[in-house]
């Protein structure tokens, strides 16, 4: 059983740890996570990859965001797995956020904007390898391939496909020239944690970190809640003194929707179809 192998590795790494109970969490996209005593979490790659760059990035970010970032407190010698304290805050909820008063709503947007800006502006050593990749760009890379199937889809999909294709044609060169921002790259409700009073506390799962256009960071939240994303974008502009383009955020989101529409992930495929069905 796979958990026995992982528990053996954990015991060798932390011999003083008394394991009273454990469970294997396997639904993460590319990791197995072993929870120990409802207190510690240990991550193992499903593909036997090492976490060298991610661990170094977490340590770097922890120096700047020590109260908002996961600290890898137990690291295996070969960096093939690491452990950290379990985080018990609640995930953001799309329905509940609509019931927040203006003060709490804006405070949440402001705190999250400050967190994002601190990540985006961190200086990363060249020794830490940061990928330059995202599903949105990958979709554009395969645009011609998908175009062969465009006659098989609805008029709504065709319209969205043409709109996104025109935008990428016009903007792709500029995007490639402006990918200098370090992004969390997976900021959506499940990865944003809040207290019972709805104060921003933490962001988890930085494993998709990348360098890319800063507008991409707002994409997932835009697809979940455009109204909150507008407030977040305005708050971010105040913190960063940058001028953001809401239309670009929307088009990134719609590129992702198309990528999932033509993709194989059944859950995201359903969400993509739901988004498209709501288009006018």
Protein backbone atom coordinates (compact mmCIF):
# COMPACT_ATOMS: atom_id res chain seq x y z
CA UNK A 1 0.00 0.00 0.00
CA UNK A 2 1.43 3.37 -1.05
CA UNK A 3 0.81 5.13 2.29
CA UNK A 4 3.02 2.60 4.11
CA UNK A 5 5.94 3.54 1.90
CA UNK A 6 5.35 7.24 2.56
CA UNK A 7 4.95 6.74 6.32
CA UNK A 8 8.26 4.90 6.39
CA UNK A 9 9.95 7.84 4.65
CA UNK A 10 8.35 10.31 7.07
CA UNK A 11 9.47 8.32 10.12
CA UNK A 12 13.05 8.26 8.83
CA UNK A 13 12.98 12.02 8.24
CA UNK A 14 11.33 12.91 11.58
CA UNK A 15 12.17 10.04 13.97
CA UNK A 16 10.86 11.96 16.99
CA UNK A 17 7.39 12.20 15.40
CA UNK A 18 4.90 9.82 17.01
CA UNK A 19 2.37 8.93 14.32
CA UNK A 20 -0.97 8.25 15.98
CA UNK A 21 -3.12 8.42 12.87
CA UNK A 22 -2.64 9.27 9.21
CA UNK A 23 -4.54 9.48 5.95
CA UNK A 24 -3.62 9.70 2.28
CA UNK A 25 -5.08 12.54 0.23
CA UNK A 26 -4.72 11.59 -3.42
CA UNK A 27 -7.10 13.91 -5.27
CA UNK A 28 -4.48 16.64 -5.73
CA UNK A 29 -3.59 17.05 -9.38
CA UNK A 30 0.04 15.88 -9.31
CA UNK A 31 0.78 15.15 -5.66
CA UNK A 32 -0.04 12.71 -2.92
CA UNK A 33 -0.44 14.34 0.48
CA UNK A 34 -0.12 12.42 3.73
CA UNK A 35 -1.81 14.01 6.72
CA UNK A 36 -0.28 13.11 10.10
CA UNK A 37 -2.10 13.46 13.44
CA UNK A 38 -4.34 16.15 11.93
CA UNK A 39 -1.35 18.50 12.39
CA UNK A 40 1.22 17.94 9.64
CA UNK A 41 0.99 17.55 5.86
CA UNK A 42 3.68 15.84 3.75
CA UNK A 43 3.70 16.20 -0.02
CA UNK A 44 4.99 13.55 -2.41
CA UNK A 45 5.02 13.84 -6.20
CA UNK A 46 2.90 11.33 -8.11
CA UNK A 47 5.50 11.51 -10.87
CA UNK A 48 8.50 11.04 -8.54
CA UNK A 49 9.65 14.58 -9.26
CA UNK A 50 11.73 16.48 -6.75
CA UNK A 51 10.59 19.74 -5.18
CA UNK A 52 13.98 21.48 -5.28
CA UNK A 53 12.85 24.75 -6.89
CA UNK A 54 9.48 24.88 -5.16
CA UNK A 55 11.06 24.41 -1.73
CA UNK A 56 13.62 27.12 -2.39
CA UNK A 57 10.89 29.44 -3.61
CA UNK A 58 8.77 28.75 -0.53
CA UNK A 59 11.72 29.53 1.74
CA UNK A 60 12.34 32.75 -0.18
CA UNK A 61 8.68 33.81 -0.03
CA UNK A 62 8.45 32.89 3.64
CA UNK A 63 11.10 35.52 4.41
CA UNK A 64 8.77 38.15 2.94
CA UNK A 65 5.37 36.68 3.79
CA UNK A 66 6.12 34.60 6.87
CA UNK A 67 2.54 34.82 8.19
CA UNK A 68 0.88 34.13 4.81
CA UNK A 69 2.89 31.32 3.24
CA UNK A 70 3.50 27.63 3.87
CA UNK A 71 6.83 26.98 5.58
CA UNK A 72 8.53 23.68 4.60
CA UNK A 73 9.63 22.68 8.11
CA UNK A 74 10.62 19.09 7.25
CA UNK A 75 12.56 18.56 4.02
CA UNK A 76 13.94 15.22 2.84
CA UNK A 77 17.64 15.15 2.00
CA UNK A 78 16.99 14.63 -1.72
CA UNK A 79 14.04 17.08 -1.61
CA UNK A 80 11.68 14.44 -3.00
CA UNK A 81 9.11 15.30 -0.30
CA UNK A 82 8.56 17.87 2.42
CA UNK A 83 6.25 18.55 5.33
CA UNK A 84 4.54 21.59 6.75
CA UNK A 85 2.03 22.55 9.41
CA UNK A 86 -1.59 21.85 8.52
CA UNK A 87 -3.53 25.03 7.85
CA UNK A 88 -7.02 25.10 9.34
CA UNK A 89 -8.54 28.30 7.98
CA UNK A 90 -11.68 28.17 5.80
CA UNK A 91 -11.68 28.45 2.02
CA UNK A 92 -13.32 31.41 0.34
CA UNK A 93 -16.92 30.75 -0.66
CA UNK A 94 -18.53 32.34 -3.70
CA UNK A 95 -22.01 32.42 -2.18
CA UNK A 96 -21.01 33.78 1.22
CA UNK A 97 -18.79 36.51 -0.23
CA UNK A 98 -21.87 38.13 -1.75
CA UNK A 99 -23.28 38.65 1.75
CA UNK A 100 -20.27 40.53 3.13
CA UNK A 101 -20.77 44.17 4.04
CA UNK A 102 -18.88 46.82 2.07
CA UNK A 103 -16.19 47.33 4.72
CA UNK A 104 -15.34 43.62 5.06
CA UNK A 105 -15.66 43.07 1.29
CA UNK A 106 -13.20 45.87 0.49
CA UNK A 107 -10.84 44.87 3.30
CA UNK A 108 -10.65 41.34 1.90
CA UNK A 109 -9.85 42.70 -1.57
CA UNK A 110 -7.21 45.08 -0.18
CA UNK A 111 -5.46 42.41 1.92
CA UNK A 112 -5.40 39.94 -0.97
CA UNK A 113 -4.08 42.64 -3.32
CA UNK A 114 -1.20 43.42 -0.94
CA UNK A 115 -0.35 39.72 -0.68
CA UNK A 116 -0.35 39.33 -4.47
CA UNK A 117 1.85 42.37 -4.98
CA UNK A 118 4.43 41.08 -2.50
CA UNK A 119 4.67 37.82 -4.42
CA UNK A 120 4.80 39.54 -7.80
CA UNK A 121 7.67 41.80 -6.84
CA UNK A 122 9.91 39.31 -5.01
CA UNK A 123 13.42 39.05 -6.41
CA UNK A 124 14.13 35.42 -7.32
CA UNK A 125 17.63 34.04 -7.60
CA UNK A 126 18.53 32.68 -11.07
CA UNK A 127 19.37 29.39 -9.34
CA UNK A 128 15.63 28.83 -8.76
CA UNK A 129 14.15 27.67 -12.05
CA UNK A 130 10.78 29.34 -12.67
CA UNK A 131 8.77 27.95 -15.60
CA UNK A 132 7.12 30.13 -18.23
CA UNK A 133 3.99 28.23 -19.04
CA UNK A 134 0.24 28.22 -18.67
CA UNK A 135 -2.79 26.40 -20.07
CA UNK A 136 -3.95 29.64 -21.68
CA UNK A 137 -0.77 29.90 -23.71
CA UNK A 138 -0.78 26.17 -24.36
CA UNK A 139 -4.25 26.54 -25.86
CA UNK A 140 -3.03 29.29 -28.14
CA UNK A 141 -0.12 27.08 -29.14
CA UNK A 142 -2.65 24.45 -30.25
CA UNK A 143 -5.11 26.99 -31.67
CA UNK A 144 -4.76 25.72 -35.24
CA UNK A 145 -5.36 22.16 -34.10
CA UNK A 146 -8.58 23.12 -32.31
CA UNK A 147 -9.67 25.23 -35.26
CA UNK A 148 -10.08 22.06 -37.31
CA UNK A 149 -12.90 21.04 -34.94
CA UNK A 150 -14.64 24.42 -34.83
CA UNK A 151 -17.34 23.34 -37.29
CA UNK A 152 -18.51 20.74 -34.76
CA UNK A 153 -19.32 23.18 -31.94
CA UNK A 154 -22.11 25.63 -31.17
CA UNK A 155 -22.31 29.21 -32.45
CA UNK A 156 -21.48 30.50 -28.95
CA UNK A 157 -18.23 28.53 -28.91
CA UNK A 158 -17.38 29.68 -32.44
CA UNK A 159 -17.94 33.32 -31.48
CA UNK A 160 -15.80 32.99 -28.35
CA UNK A 161 -13.13 31.09 -30.29
CA UNK A 162 -12.88 33.85 -32.91
CA UNK A 163 -12.79 36.60 -30.27
CA UNK A 164 -10.01 34.92 -28.28
CA UNK A 165 -8.07 34.05 -31.45
CA UNK A 166 -8.12 37.66 -32.65
CA UNK A 167 -6.90 38.89 -29.27
CA UNK A 168 -4.03 36.42 -29.06
CA UNK A 169 -2.95 37.33 -32.58
CA UNK A 170 -2.79 41.00 -31.62
CA UNK A 171 -1.30 40.62 -28.13
CA UNK A 172 0.87 37.50 -28.12
CA UNK A 173 4.10 39.30 -29.03
CA UNK A 174 3.60 41.89 -26.28
CA UNK A 175 2.77 39.19 -23.72
CA UNK A 176 5.99 37.39 -24.50
CA UNK A 177 7.86 40.65 -23.93
CA UNK A 178 6.17 41.21 -20.56
CA UNK A 179 6.25 37.96 -18.64
CA UNK A 180 8.60 39.23 -15.92
CA UNK A 181 6.12 38.85 -13.05
CA UNK A 182 6.33 35.96 -10.61
CA UNK A 183 2.79 34.60 -10.28
CA UNK A 184 1.14 32.27 -7.80
CA UNK A 185 -0.78 31.10 -10.89
CA UNK A 186 -3.56 29.26 -9.11
CA UNK A 187 -5.44 31.91 -7.16
CA UNK A 188 -9.01 30.75 -6.86
CA UNK A 189 -11.35 30.23 -3.92
CA UNK A 190 -10.06 26.81 -2.83
CA UNK A 191 -6.52 28.19 -2.46
CA UNK A 192 -7.46 31.40 -0.60
CA UNK A 193 -8.09 30.91 3.11
CA UNK A 194 -10.00 33.24 5.42
CA UNK A 195 -10.85 33.35 9.12
CA UNK A 196 -14.36 32.92 10.52
CA UNK A 197 -14.61 36.70 10.41
CA UNK A 198 -13.66 36.64 6.71
CA UNK A 199 -10.24 38.21 7.18
CA UNK A 200 -7.70 37.09 4.61
CA UNK A 201 -5.23 34.67 6.21
CA UNK A 202 -3.31 32.56 3.74
CA UNK A 203 -2.83 31.30 0.20
CA UNK A 204 -1.95 27.67 -0.38
CA UNK A 205 -0.67 25.55 -3.26
CA UNK A 206 2.01 27.60 -4.98
CA UNK A 207 3.10 24.57 -7.01
CA UNK A 208 1.94 26.15 -10.30
CA UNK A 209 4.18 29.22 -9.88
CA UNK A 210 5.33 30.77 -13.14
CA UNK A 211 6.59 33.93 -14.84
CA UNK A 212 3.93 35.51 -17.03
CA UNK A 213 1.77 38.54 -17.72
CA UNK A 214 0.40 39.87 -14.42
CA UNK A 215 -3.19 39.91 -15.72
CA UNK A 216 -3.17 36.11 -15.71
CA UNK A 217 -3.11 36.12 -11.88
CA UNK A 218 -6.69 37.46 -11.78
CA UNK A 219 -8.07 34.96 -14.29
CA UNK A 220 -9.38 32.17 -12.02
CA UNK A 221 -11.07 34.59 -9.62
CA UNK A 222 -12.63 36.42 -12.57
CA UNK A 223 -14.25 33.18 -13.75
CA UNK A 224 -15.63 32.59 -10.26
CA UNK A 225 -16.70 36.12 -9.35
CA UNK A 226 -16.23 39.01 -11.84
CA UNK A 227 -17.59 41.59 -9.37
CA UNK A 228 -15.11 40.71 -6.62
CA UNK A 229 -12.28 40.55 -9.17
CA UNK A 230 -13.09 44.10 -10.26
CA UNK A 231 -12.68 45.28 -6.63
CA UNK A 232 -9.49 43.25 -6.28
CA UNK A 233 -8.11 44.74 -9.50
CA UNK A 234 -8.83 48.29 -8.27
CA UNK A 235 -7.21 47.52 -4.91
CA UNK A 236 -4.18 46.04 -6.68
CA UNK A 237 -3.78 49.17 -8.79
CA UNK A 238 -3.70 51.24 -5.60
CA UNK A 239 -0.99 49.05 -4.07
CA UNK A 240 1.14 48.56 -7.17
CA UNK A 241 0.55 51.86 -9.02
CA UNK A 242 0.04 49.79 -12.17
CA UNK A 243 -2.77 50.23 -14.66
CA UNK A 244 -4.51 46.93 -15.31
CA UNK A 245 -6.70 46.00 -18.26
CA UNK A 246 -9.93 44.30 -17.18
CA UNK A 247 -10.62 43.16 -20.73
CA UNK A 248 -7.33 41.30 -20.83
CA UNK A 249 -8.21 39.48 -17.59
CA UNK A 250 -11.55 38.51 -19.14
CA UNK A 251 -9.90 37.22 -22.31
CA UNK A 252 -7.39 35.16 -20.33
CA UNK A 253 -10.35 33.64 -18.52
CA UNK A 254 -12.16 32.88 -21.75
CA UNK A 255 -9.01 31.35 -23.23
CA UNK A 256 -8.85 29.06 -20.22
CA UNK A 257 -12.55 28.22 -20.67
CA UNK A 258 -11.87 27.19 -24.26
CA UNK A 259 -8.80 25.20 -23.25
CA UNK A 260 -10.92 23.22 -20.81
CA UNK A 261 -13.83 22.96 -23.27
CA UNK A 262 -11.55 21.19 -25.74
CA UNK A 263 -9.62 19.42 -22.97
CA UNK A 264 -9.92 16.11 -21.18
CA UNK A 265 -10.50 17.22 -17.57
CA UNK A 266 -14.14 16.23 -16.99
CA UNK A 267 -14.76 18.61 -14.05
CA UNK A 268 -13.27 21.66 -15.73
CA UNK A 269 -14.92 20.65 -18.99
CA UNK A 270 -18.32 20.82 -17.29
CA UNK A 271 -17.49 24.22 -15.77
CA UNK A 272 -16.35 25.49 -19.16
CA UNK A 273 -19.60 24.39 -20.80
CA UNK A 274 -21.57 26.08 -18.03
CA UNK A 275 -19.65 29.35 -18.56
CA UNK A 276 -20.27 29.22 -22.31
CA UNK A 277 -23.97 28.45 -21.85
CA UNK A 278 -24.34 31.66 -19.83
CA UNK A 279 -22.88 33.82 -22.59
CA UNK A 280 -25.31 36.09 -24.40
